[in-house]
Amino acid sequence: MSEMDEKPTNEPQSEAENYDDEPDESFGERMMGLTEMFPESVRNVASAVSNATVKSCRSLYQFSCNASWIFFTSSVILFAPVIFETERAQMEELHKSQQKQVLLGPGSAMAATGPSPSLPLIR
């Protein structure tokens, strides 16, 4: 048999190639090791760009929080009276209907007496 026909073994060739016992590097450790490869000016520019990006993301987040707070509190202040007044009008209508039912009997509240008094009469 020739050397090409031999099946490769899973055993390491030498002790220098066995890296299983070494702890894995984290992403941060690898990046710190790679910084030595670039000149100081490139590292400074990359640092300034990343710091500016983080600062602008934080300020955008803060602005969006403030804007949403202003929007929702203003909408509550503007629309709450309308909602309360609508609910009050519905309760008054229900109360009138119940009074009419008590005074005239159960069939009178459901009977059609014509258009409601709040709507104009169309001829």
Protein backbone atom coordinates (compact mmCIF):
# COMPACT_ATOMS: atom_id res chain seq x y z
CA MET A 1 0.00 0.00 0.00
CA SER A 2 1.09 3.47 -0.72
CA GLU A 3 0.98 6.42 1.65
CA MET A 4 -2.04 7.91 -0.19
CA ASP A 5 -4.14 4.81 0.49
CA GLU A 6 -3.66 4.99 4.25
CA LYS A 7 -6.58 6.37 6.20
CA PRO A 8 -5.86 9.49 8.23
CA THR A 9 -5.91 9.06 11.96
CA ASN A 10 -7.55 11.38 14.43
CA GLU A 11 -4.52 11.41 16.67
CA PRO A 12 -2.55 14.67 16.79
CA GLN A 13 0.73 14.72 14.91
CA SER A 14 2.62 16.30 17.76
CA GLU A 15 2.00 17.99 21.11
CA ALA A 16 2.38 21.44 19.52
CA GLU A 17 -0.74 20.94 17.39
CA ASN A 18 -3.03 19.94 20.28
CA TYR A 19 -4.97 23.10 21.24
CA ASP A 20 -7.86 21.42 23.07
CA ASP A 21 -6.49 22.25 26.52
CA GLU A 22 -6.25 25.98 25.85
CA PRO A 23 -9.17 28.18 26.92
CA ASP A 24 -11.19 29.78 24.14
CA GLU A 25 -10.70 33.48 23.52
CA SER A 26 -13.67 35.76 23.80
CA PHE A 27 -14.58 38.19 21.04
CA GLY A 28 -13.31 41.11 23.12
CA GLU A 29 -9.96 39.45 23.72
CA ARG A 30 -9.53 38.79 20.01
CA MET A 31 -10.38 42.41 19.15
CA MET A 32 -7.89 43.69 21.72
CA GLY A 33 -5.24 41.46 20.20
CA LEU A 34 -6.01 42.70 16.71
CA THR A 35 -5.68 46.37 17.70
CA GLU A 36 -1.90 46.03 17.70
CA MET A 37 -2.09 45.35 13.98
CA PHE A 38 -3.42 48.86 13.16
CA PRO A 39 -1.63 52.19 13.56
CA GLU A 40 -2.56 54.51 16.42
CA SER A 41 -4.36 57.00 14.13
CA VAL A 42 -6.68 54.29 12.75
CA ARG A 43 -7.47 53.09 16.28
CA ASN A 44 -8.24 56.65 17.40
CA VAL A 45 -10.56 57.26 14.43
CA ALA A 46 -12.36 53.95 15.00
CA SER A 47 -12.74 54.76 18.68
CA ALA A 48 -14.11 58.25 17.93
CA VAL A 49 -16.60 56.86 15.39
CA SER A 50 -17.84 54.16 17.77
CA ASN A 51 -18.16 56.65 20.64
CA ALA A 52 -20.08 59.09 18.43
CA THR A 53 -22.39 56.29 17.29
CA VAL A 54 -23.13 55.23 20.86
CA LYS A 55 -23.72 58.82 21.93
CA SER A 56 -26.09 59.52 19.03
CA CYS A 57 -28.03 56.29 19.66
CA ARG A 58 -28.44 57.25 23.33
CA SER A 59 -29.57 60.77 22.48
CA LEU A 60 -32.01 59.45 19.84
CA TYR A 61 -33.44 57.02 22.40
CA GLN A 62 -33.79 59.79 24.98
CA PHE A 63 -35.47 62.07 22.42
CA SER A 64 -37.92 59.33 21.38
CA CYS A 65 -38.81 58.66 25.04
CA ASN A 66 -39.45 62.35 25.67
CA ALA A 67 -41.44 62.76 22.45
CA SER A 68 -43.63 59.74 23.18
CA TRP A 69 -44.25 60.99 26.74
CA ILE A 70 -45.32 64.41 25.42
CA PHE A 71 -47.52 62.86 22.72
CA PHE A 72 -49.36 60.43 24.99
CA THR A 73 -49.88 62.81 27.89
CA SER A 74 -51.14 65.52 25.51
CA SER A 75 -53.53 63.08 23.87
CA VAL A 76 -54.88 62.02 27.26
CA ILE A 77 -55.37 65.64 28.30
CA LEU A 78 -57.07 66.51 24.99
CA PHE A 79 -59.26 63.43 24.50
CA ALA A 80 -60.20 62.47 28.06
CA PRO A 81 -62.88 65.21 28.37
CA VAL A 82 -64.43 64.12 25.06
CA ILE A 83 -64.53 60.49 26.17
CA PHE A 84 -66.02 61.41 29.56
CA GLU A 85 -68.66 63.63 27.97
CA THR A 86 -69.64 60.92 25.48
CA GLU A 87 -69.96 58.41 28.29
CA ARG A 88 -72.05 60.86 30.32
CA ALA A 89 -74.40 61.43 27.35
CA GLN A 90 -74.81 57.68 26.86
CA MET A 91 -75.59 57.22 30.54
CA GLU A 92 -78.20 60.02 30.39
CA GLU A 93 -79.82 58.38 27.37
CA LEU A 94 -79.88 55.03 29.15
CA HIS A 95 -81.35 56.66 32.26
CA LYS A 96 -84.11 58.34 30.18
CA SER A 97 -84.86 55.04 28.49
CA GLN A 98 -85.14 53.28 31.86
CA GLN A 99 -87.42 56.03 33.22
CA LYS A 100 -89.63 55.77 30.15
CA GLN A 101 -89.80 52.00 30.56
CA VAL A 102 -90.80 52.33 34.22
CA LEU A 103 -93.48 54.96 33.51
CA LEU A 104 -95.02 53.55 30.33
CA GLY A 105 -94.29 49.82 30.53
CA PRO A 106 -91.72 47.44 29.11
CA GLY A 107 -92.84 47.71 25.44
CA SER A 108 -92.70 51.50 25.26
CA ALA A 109 -88.94 51.85 25.57
CA MET A 110 -88.38 49.61 22.56
CA ALA A 111 -91.11 51.15 20.41
CA ALA A 112 -90.07 53.44 17.62
CA THR A 113 -91.41 56.90 18.44
CA GLY A 114 -89.76 58.59 15.51
CA PRO A 115 -86.39 60.19 15.09
CA SER A 116 -84.42 61.04 18.19
CA PRO A 117 -84.87 64.61 19.42
CA SER A 118 -81.17 65.42 18.97
CA LEU A 119 -81.37 64.90 15.18
CA PRO A 120 -83.10 67.45 12.93
CA LEU A 121 -86.27 66.37 11.18
CA ILE A 122 -85.71 65.90 7.41
CA ARG A 123 -88.70 66.58 5.12
